[in-house]
């Protein structure tokens, strides 16, 4: 019997700038075991995801995963172009922790009310790779909020952030300072698309362990996403 899975999120789920965790998740199962549907939009905040749930509830899957909040967390950092993001994504309010929790809670409430799916919220990938840096701390703080929303709404919580923290501690990476993606991501994507240079090569040249640009995932980072989903939702416990 095929398990139908809808994966909701932002650019990490859209997978134009990241290694595709949906593809990696599908590879972990025999053909026909899982059917994956992608609901990812570049640059989305939790508010944006809330606005586009119609397509998900119109054809309810068996399992729904939600990986959202990276852009909300980034917006809390000094130097993030908040005004530009608000205009580009048509946000009615300035991003904040409280609004993020409110929107994410509303996402879960609608999915629970209008589907019978098993719902799981993933904590965020680590922003950057300096665990004591402001970016990583922001992703940790927003991951705690995600855990709170999951507990309040009685849905599953998948500890992606915690897995990536462990991976980074084991790797002991060089202390490369977090940078917003503005020029670096564009150059990386152009290299990937035009020169056929792999995202992992870009990541390696920049000295990054899990990402290509401190935000978007390389194969190692995307594999952790697939593993957390698989272990939390699809692998029978013994």
C-alpha atoms as a PDB file:
ATOM      1  CA  UNK A   1       0.000   0.000   0.000  1.00  0.00           C
ATOM      2  CA  UNK A   2       1.356   3.400  -1.012  1.00  0.00           C
ATOM      3  CA  UNK A   3       1.782   6.085   1.659  1.00  0.00           C
ATOM      4  CA  UNK A   4       0.954   9.513   0.251  1.00  0.00           C
ATOM      5  CA  UNK A   5       3.106  12.242   1.779  1.00  0.00           C
ATOM      6  CA  UNK A   6       2.729  15.995   1.319  1.00  0.00           C
ATOM      7  CA  UNK A   7       5.846  17.999   2.177  1.00  0.00           C
ATOM      8  CA  UNK A   8       5.122  21.651   2.995  1.00  0.00           C
ATOM      9  CA  UNK A   9       7.731  24.371   3.315  1.00  0.00           C
ATOM     10  CA  UNK A  10       9.875  27.082   1.764  1.00  0.00           C
ATOM     11  CA  UNK A  11      12.878  26.990  -0.601  1.00  0.00           C
ATOM     12  CA  UNK A  12      14.342  24.007   1.245  1.00  0.00           C
ATOM     13  CA  UNK A  13      11.306  22.027   0.122  1.00  0.00           C
ATOM     14  CA  UNK A  14      11.099  23.649  -3.325  1.00  0.00           C
ATOM     15  CA  UNK A  15      14.702  22.420  -3.811  1.00  0.00           C
ATOM     16  CA  UNK A  16      15.854  24.821  -6.505  1.00  0.00           C
ATOM     17  CA  UNK A  17      18.686  26.121  -4.307  1.00  0.00           C
ATOM     18  CA  UNK A  18      19.029  23.060  -2.046  1.00  0.00           C
ATOM     19  CA  UNK A  19      19.658  19.374  -2.518  1.00  0.00           C
ATOM     20  CA  UNK A  20      16.224  17.743  -2.802  1.00  0.00           C
ATOM     21  CA  UNK A  21      15.327  15.996   0.449  1.00  0.00           C
ATOM     22  CA  UNK A  22      12.123  14.633  -1.122  1.00  0.00           C
ATOM     23  CA  UNK A  23      14.175  12.737  -3.685  1.00  0.00           C
ATOM     24  CA  UNK A  24      16.435  11.400  -0.941  1.00  0.00           C
ATOM     25  CA  UNK A  25      13.403  10.359   1.112  1.00  0.00           C
ATOM     26  CA  UNK A  26      11.884   8.551  -1.856  1.00  0.00           C
ATOM     27  CA  UNK A  27      15.121   6.661  -2.472  1.00  0.00           C
ATOM     28  CA  UNK A  28      14.953   5.195   1.014  1.00  0.00           C
ATOM     29  CA  UNK A  29      11.886   3.125   0.054  1.00  0.00           C
ATOM     30  CA  UNK A  30      11.080   0.562  -2.642  1.00  0.00           C
ATOM     31  CA  UNK A  31       9.243   1.880  -5.715  1.00  0.00           C
ATOM     32  CA  UNK A  32       5.560   2.422  -4.988  1.00  0.00           C
ATOM     33  CA  UNK A  33       5.913   2.491  -1.198  1.00  0.00           C
ATOM     34  CA  UNK A  34       5.701   6.283  -0.936  1.00  0.00           C
ATOM     35  CA  UNK A  35       4.198   8.966  -3.157  1.00  0.00           C
ATOM     36  CA  UNK A  36       5.616  12.414  -2.458  1.00  0.00           C
ATOM     37  CA  UNK A  37       3.912  15.725  -3.206  1.00  0.00           C
ATOM     38  CA  UNK A  38       5.896  18.957  -3.011  1.00  0.00           C
ATOM     39  CA  UNK A  39       4.372  22.153  -1.595  1.00  0.00           C
ATOM     40  CA  UNK A  40       7.418  24.424  -1.316  1.00  0.00           C
ATOM     41  CA  UNK A  41       7.670  28.105  -2.217  1.00  0.00           C
ATOM     42  CA  UNK A  42      10.877  30.121  -2.217  1.00  0.00           C
ATOM     43  CA  UNK A  43      11.132  32.747   0.521  1.00  0.00           C
ATOM     44  CA  UNK A  44       7.941  31.715   2.306  1.00  0.00           C
ATOM     45  CA  UNK A  45       7.245  32.701   5.877  1.00  0.00           C
ATOM     46  CA  UNK A  46       4.779  30.760   8.037  1.00  0.00           C
ATOM     47  CA  UNK A  47       2.156  33.348   7.082  1.00  0.00           C
ATOM     48  CA  UNK A  48       2.612  32.573   3.368  1.00  0.00           C
ATOM     49  CA  UNK A  49       2.263  28.845   3.959  1.00  0.00           C
ATOM     50  CA  UNK A  50      -0.992  29.472   5.807  1.00  0.00           C
ATOM     51  CA  UNK A  51      -2.372  31.220   2.709  1.00  0.00           C
ATOM     52  CA  UNK A  52      -1.760  28.295   0.357  1.00  0.00           C
ATOM     53  CA  UNK A  53      -3.184  25.279   2.160  1.00  0.00           C
ATOM     54  CA  UNK A  54      -6.162  24.871  -0.198  1.00  0.00           C
ATOM     55  CA  UNK A  55      -4.186  22.633  -2.556  1.00  0.00           C
ATOM     56  CA  UNK A  56      -3.147  20.382   0.331  1.00  0.00           C
ATOM     57  CA  UNK A  57      -6.580  19.903   1.887  1.00  0.00           C
ATOM     58  CA  UNK A  58      -8.264  19.522  -1.526  1.00  0.00           C
ATOM     59  CA  UNK A  59      -6.632  16.096  -1.910  1.00  0.00           C
ATOM     60  CA  UNK A  60      -5.629  15.071   1.612  1.00  0.00           C
ATOM     61  CA  UNK A  61      -2.571  12.804   1.876  1.00  0.00           C
ATOM     62  CA  UNK A  62      -1.814  10.204   4.530  1.00  0.00           C
ATOM     63  CA  UNK A  63       1.110  12.149   6.016  1.00  0.00           C
ATOM     64  CA  UNK A  64       1.917  15.865   6.062  1.00  0.00           C
ATOM     65  CA  UNK A  65       5.341  17.238   6.979  1.00  0.00           C
ATOM     66  CA  UNK A  66       5.862  20.925   7.670  1.00  0.00           C
ATOM     67  CA  UNK A  67       9.315  22.496   7.447  1.00  0.00           C
ATOM     68  CA  UNK A  68       8.801  26.248   7.789  1.00  0.00           C
ATOM     69  CA  UNK A  69      10.337  29.045   9.840  1.00  0.00           C
ATOM     70  CA  UNK A  70      13.817  29.523   8.430  1.00  0.00           C
ATOM     71  CA  UNK A  71      12.853  32.862   6.876  1.00  0.00           C
ATOM     72  CA  UNK A  72      10.996  33.898  10.029  1.00  0.00           C
ATOM     73  CA  UNK A  73      14.148  33.175  12.023  1.00  0.00           C
ATOM     74  CA  UNK A  74      16.365  35.005   9.514  1.00  0.00           C
ATOM     75  CA  UNK A  75      14.122  38.066   9.794  1.00  0.00           C
ATOM     76  CA  UNK A  76      15.030  38.319  13.488  1.00  0.00           C
ATOM     77  CA  UNK A  77      18.716  38.814  12.654  1.00  0.00           C
ATOM     78  CA  UNK A  78      20.489  42.140  12.299  1.00  0.00           C
ATOM     79  CA  UNK A  79      21.114  42.952   8.663  1.00  0.00           C
ATOM     80  CA  UNK A  80      18.195  40.983   7.245  1.00  0.00           C
ATOM     81  CA  UNK A  81      16.295  43.085   4.651  1.00  0.00           C
ATOM     82  CA  UNK A  82      12.943  42.932   6.454  1.00  0.00           C
ATOM     83  CA  UNK A  83      11.231  45.690   4.493  1.00  0.00           C
ATOM     84  CA  UNK A  84      12.169  44.095   1.163  1.00  0.00           C
ATOM     85  CA  UNK A  85      10.937  40.709   2.335  1.00  0.00           C
ATOM     86  CA  UNK A  86       7.629  42.153   3.548  1.00  0.00           C
ATOM     87  CA  UNK A  87       7.035  43.750   0.162  1.00  0.00           C
ATOM     88  CA  UNK A  88       8.182  40.722  -1.856  1.00  0.00           C
ATOM     89  CA  UNK A  89       6.116  38.226   0.135  1.00  0.00           C
ATOM     90  CA  UNK A  90       3.170  40.606   0.763  1.00  0.00           C
ATOM     91  CA  UNK A  91       3.333  40.259   4.527  1.00  0.00           C
ATOM     92  CA  UNK A  92       0.656  42.252   6.379  1.00  0.00           C
ATOM     93  CA  UNK A  93       2.745  42.428   9.560  1.00  0.00           C
ATOM     94  CA  UNK A  94       6.405  42.687  10.429  1.00  0.00           C
ATOM     95  CA  UNK A  95       7.826  39.202  11.104  1.00  0.00           C
ATOM     96  CA  UNK A  96       8.105  38.370  14.798  1.00  0.00           C
ATOM     97  CA  UNK A  97       8.357  35.327  17.019  1.00  0.00           C
ATOM     98  CA  UNK A  98       4.800  35.702  18.269  1.00  0.00           C
ATOM     99  CA  UNK A  99       3.348  36.049  14.784  1.00  0.00           C
ATOM    100  CA  UNK A 100       5.320  33.034  13.612  1.00  0.00           C
ATOM    101  CA  UNK A 101       3.847  30.881  16.378  1.00  0.00           C
ATOM    102  CA  UNK A 102       0.370  32.190  15.647  1.00  0.00           C
ATOM    103  CA  UNK A 103       0.632  31.430  11.920  1.00  0.00           C
ATOM    104  CA  UNK A 104       2.178  28.008  12.444  1.00  0.00           C
ATOM    105  CA  UNK A 105      -0.541  27.144  14.949  1.00  0.00           C
ATOM    106  CA  UNK A 106      -3.164  28.190  12.402  1.00  0.00           C
ATOM    107  CA  UNK A 107      -1.504  25.987   9.753  1.00  0.00           C
ATOM    108  CA  UNK A 108      -1.711  22.984  12.071  1.00  0.00           C
ATOM    109  CA  UNK A 109      -5.269  23.786  13.138  1.00  0.00           C
ATOM    110  CA  UNK A 110      -6.516  23.852   9.550  1.00  0.00           C
ATOM    111  CA  UNK A 111      -4.667  20.693   8.575  1.00  0.00           C
ATOM    112  CA  UNK A 112      -6.102  18.895  11.588  1.00  0.00           C
ATOM    113  CA  UNK A 113      -9.621  20.153  10.914  1.00  0.00           C
ATOM    114  CA  UNK A 114      -9.709  19.395   7.193  1.00  0.00           C
ATOM    115  CA  UNK A 115      -7.588  16.239   6.822  1.00  0.00           C
ATOM    116  CA  UNK A 116      -7.131  12.944   8.634  1.00  0.00           C
ATOM    117  CA  UNK A 117      -3.403  12.969   7.893  1.00  0.00           C
ATOM    118  CA  UNK A 118      -0.629  12.303  10.368  1.00  0.00           C
ATOM    119  CA  UNK A 119       0.952  15.750  10.788  1.00  0.00           C
ATOM    120  CA  UNK A 120       4.578  16.358  11.738  1.00  0.00           C
ATOM    121  CA  UNK A 121       6.459  19.607  12.324  1.00  0.00           C
ATOM    122  CA  UNK A 122      10.206  19.587  11.748  1.00  0.00           C
ATOM    123  CA  UNK A 123      12.495  21.827  13.747  1.00  0.00           C
ATOM    124  CA  UNK A 124      14.695  24.060  11.626  1.00  0.00           C
ATOM    125  CA  UNK A 125      18.006  23.307   9.986  1.00  0.00           C
ATOM    126  CA  UNK A 126      20.827  25.133  11.715  1.00  0.00           C
ATOM    127  CA  UNK A 127      21.480  28.593  10.272  1.00  0.00           C
ATOM    128  CA  UNK A 128      25.214  28.897   9.679  1.00  0.00           C
ATOM    129  CA  UNK A 129      27.646  26.607  11.432  1.00  0.00           C
ATOM    130  CA  UNK A 130      28.843  28.656  14.403  1.00  0.00           C
ATOM    131  CA  UNK A 131      26.708  27.172  17.137  1.00  0.00           C
ATOM    132  CA  UNK A 132      27.276  30.129  19.451  1.00  0.00           C
ATOM    133  CA  UNK A 133      26.522  32.644  16.691  1.00  0.00           C
ATOM    134  CA  UNK A 134      23.372  34.738  16.410  1.00  0.00           C
ATOM    135  CA  UNK A 135      22.085  32.878  13.332  1.00  0.00           C
ATOM    136  CA  UNK A 136      22.367  29.422  14.877  1.00  0.00           C
ATOM    137  CA  UNK A 137      20.847  30.727  18.101  1.00  0.00           C
ATOM    138  CA  UNK A 138      17.897  32.150  16.145  1.00  0.00           C
ATOM    139  CA  UNK A 139      17.263  28.822  14.419  1.00  0.00           C
ATOM    140  CA  UNK A 140      17.397  27.141  17.821  1.00  0.00           C
ATOM    141  CA  UNK A 141      14.941  29.614  19.365  1.00  0.00           C
ATOM    142  CA  UNK A 142      12.458  29.187  16.517  1.00  0.00           C
ATOM    143  CA  UNK A 143      12.874  25.411  16.724  1.00  0.00           C
ATOM    144  CA  UNK A 144      11.804  25.589  20.362  1.00  0.00           C
ATOM    145  CA  UNK A 145       8.701  27.491  19.262  1.00  0.00           C
ATOM    146  CA  UNK A 146       7.968  24.771  16.713  1.00  0.00           C
ATOM    147  CA  UNK A 147       8.229  22.161  19.474  1.00  0.00           C
ATOM    148  CA  UNK A 148       5.775  24.182  21.568  1.00  0.00           C
ATOM    149  CA  UNK A 149       3.281  24.444  18.703  1.00  0.00           C
ATOM    150  CA  UNK A 150       3.562  20.698  18.070  1.00  0.00           C
ATOM    151  CA  UNK A 151       2.967  19.888  21.733  1.00  0.00           C
ATOM    152  CA  UNK A 152       0.057  22.326  22.070  1.00  0.00           C
ATOM    153  CA  UNK A 153      -1.654  20.941  18.965  1.00  0.00           C
ATOM    154  CA  UNK A 154      -0.788  17.304  19.692  1.00  0.00           C
ATOM    155  CA  UNK A 155       1.050  16.621  16.439  1.00  0.00           C
ATOM    156  CA  UNK A 156       4.412  14.972  15.878  1.00  0.00           C
ATOM    157  CA  UNK A 157       7.667  16.866  16.324  1.00  0.00           C
ATOM    158  CA  UNK A 158      10.698  15.795  14.301  1.00  0.00           C
ATOM    159  CA  UNK A 159      14.051  16.921  15.789  1.00  0.00           C
ATOM    160  CA  UNK A 160      15.944  18.049  12.692  1.00  0.00           C
ATOM    161  CA  UNK A 161      17.679  20.942  14.447  1.00  0.00           C
ATOM    162  CA  UNK A 162      18.931  18.647  17.170  1.00  0.00           C
ATOM    163  CA  UNK A 163      20.271  16.150  14.616  1.00  0.00           C
ATOM    164  CA  UNK A 164      22.096  18.884  12.725  1.00  0.00           C
ATOM    165  CA  UNK A 165      23.571  20.308  15.927  1.00  0.00           C
ATOM    166  CA  UNK A 166      24.986  16.867  16.678  1.00  0.00           C
ATOM    167  CA  UNK A 167      26.381  16.562  13.168  1.00  0.00           C
ATOM    168  CA  UNK A 168      28.093  19.953  13.386  1.00  0.00           C
ATOM    169  CA  UNK A 169      29.585  19.223  16.794  1.00  0.00           C
ATOM    170  CA  UNK A 170      31.015  15.974  15.493  1.00  0.00           C
ATOM    171  CA  UNK A 171      32.406  17.660  12.369  1.00  0.00           C
ATOM    172  CA  UNK A 172      33.952  20.533  14.346  1.00  0.00           C
ATOM    173  CA  UNK A 173      33.806  22.852  11.318  1.00  0.00           C
ATOM    174  CA  UNK A 174      35.898  25.983  10.748  1.00  0.00           C
ATOM    175  CA  UNK A 175      34.448  29.147  12.330  1.00  0.00           C
ATOM    176  CA  UNK A 176      33.023  30.730   9.186  1.00  0.00           C
ATOM    177  CA  UNK A 177      30.817  33.717   9.968  1.00  0.00           C
ATOM    178  CA  UNK A 178      27.171  33.627   8.905  1.00  0.00           C
ATOM    179  CA  UNK A 179      26.269  35.765   5.914  1.00  0.00           C
ATOM    180  CA  UNK A 180      22.906  36.472   4.360  1.00  0.00           C
ATOM    181  CA  UNK A 181      22.516  34.869   0.967  1.00  0.00           C
ATOM    182  CA  UNK A 182      22.210  37.930  -1.226  1.00  0.00           C
ATOM    183  CA  UNK A 183      25.282  37.614  -3.472  1.00  0.00           C
ATOM    184  CA  UNK A 184      26.528  34.183  -2.448  1.00  0.00           C
ATOM    185  CA  UNK A 185      23.342  32.260  -3.172  1.00  0.00           C
ATOM    186  CA  UNK A 186      22.928  33.826  -6.591  1.00  0.00           C
ATOM    187  CA  UNK A 187      26.503  32.999  -7.562  1.00  0.00           C
ATOM    188  CA  UNK A 188      26.119  29.470  -6.233  1.00  0.00           C
ATOM    189  CA  UNK A 189      22.929  28.820  -8.147  1.00  0.00           C
ATOM    190  CA  UNK A 190      24.445  30.226 -11.354  1.00  0.00           C
ATOM    191  CA  UNK A 191      27.464  27.982 -10.926  1.00  0.00           C
ATOM    192  CA  UNK A 192      25.189  25.023 -10.348  1.00  0.00           C
ATOM    193  CA  UNK A 193      22.884  25.735 -13.297  1.00  0.00           C
ATOM    194  CA  UNK A 194      25.288  27.099 -15.888  1.00  0.00           C
ATOM    195  CA  UNK A 195      28.538  25.332 -15.108  1.00  0.00           C
ATOM    196  CA  UNK A 196      26.862  22.125 -13.856  1.00  0.00           C
ATOM    197  CA  UNK A 197      28.908  22.420 -10.691  1.00  0.00           C
ATOM    198  CA  UNK A 198      27.310  20.398  -7.919  1.00  0.00           C
ATOM    199  CA  UNK A 199      25.915  22.049  -4.841  1.00  0.00           C
ATOM    200  CA  UNK A 200      28.212  19.854  -2.772  1.00  0.00           C
ATOM    201  CA  UNK A 201      31.248  21.208  -4.625  1.00  0.00           C
ATOM    202  CA  UNK A 202      30.108  24.765  -3.911  1.00  0.00           C
ATOM    203  CA  UNK A 203      29.578  23.833  -0.269  1.00  0.00           C
ATOM    204  CA  UNK A 204      33.011  22.229   0.022  1.00  0.00           C
ATOM    205  CA  UNK A 205      34.782  25.211  -1.535  1.00  0.00           C
ATOM    206  CA  UNK A 206      33.137  27.487   0.999  1.00  0.00           C
ATOM    207  CA  UNK A 207      34.096  25.259   3.921  1.00  0.00           C
ATOM    208  CA  UNK A 208      30.467  24.577   4.854  1.00  0.00           C
ATOM    209  CA  UNK A 209      29.426  21.236   6.331  1.00  0.00           C
ATOM    210  CA  UNK A 210      25.631  21.102   5.874  1.00  0.00           C
ATOM    211  CA  UNK A 211      24.782  24.007   3.593  1.00  0.00           C
ATOM    212  CA  UNK A 212      25.851  25.738   0.402  1.00  0.00           C
ATOM    213  CA  UNK A 213      25.398  29.264   1.756  1.00  0.00           C
ATOM    214  CA  UNK A 214      24.629  28.939   5.513  1.00  0.00           C
ATOM    215  CA  UNK A 215      20.928  28.377   4.688  1.00  0.00           C
ATOM    216  CA  UNK A 216      20.263  26.010   1.765  1.00  0.00           C
ATOM    217  CA  UNK A 217      21.144  22.360   2.217  1.00  0.00           C
ATOM    218  CA  UNK A 218      23.887  20.315   0.614  1.00  0.00           C
ATOM    219  CA  UNK A 219      23.586  16.520   0.357  1.00  0.00           C
ATOM    220  CA  UNK A 220      24.648  16.006   3.960  1.00  0.00           C
ATOM    221  CA  UNK A 221      22.110  18.492   5.292  1.00  0.00           C
ATOM    222  CA  UNK A 222      19.291  17.231   3.049  1.00  0.00           C
ATOM    223  CA  UNK A 223      20.041  13.630   4.006  1.00  0.00           C
ATOM    224  CA  UNK A 224      19.478  14.519   7.649  1.00  0.00           C
ATOM    225  CA  UNK A 225      16.061  15.948   6.747  1.00  0.00           C
ATOM    226  CA  UNK A 226      15.125  12.739   4.918  1.00  0.00           C
ATOM    227  CA  UNK A 227      16.418  10.591   7.781  1.00  0.00           C
ATOM    228  CA  UNK A 228      14.471  12.511  10.429  1.00  0.00           C
ATOM    229  CA  UNK A 229      11.230  12.213   8.439  1.00  0.00           C
ATOM    230  CA  UNK A 230      11.808   8.556   7.709  1.00  0.00           C
ATOM    231  CA  UNK A 231      12.678   7.629  11.283  1.00  0.00           C
ATOM    232  CA  UNK A 232       9.870   9.674  12.787  1.00  0.00           C
ATOM    233  CA  UNK A 233       7.033   8.746  10.478  1.00  0.00           C
ATOM    234  CA  UNK A 234       7.776   5.899   8.092  1.00  0.00           C
ATOM    235  CA  UNK A 235      10.074   3.379   9.749  1.00  0.00           C
ATOM    236  CA  UNK A 236       8.187   0.886  11.939  1.00  0.00           C
ATOM    237  CA  UNK A 237       9.449   0.785  15.513  1.00  0.00           C
ATOM    238  CA  UNK A 238      10.669  -2.576  16.733  1.00  0.00           C
END
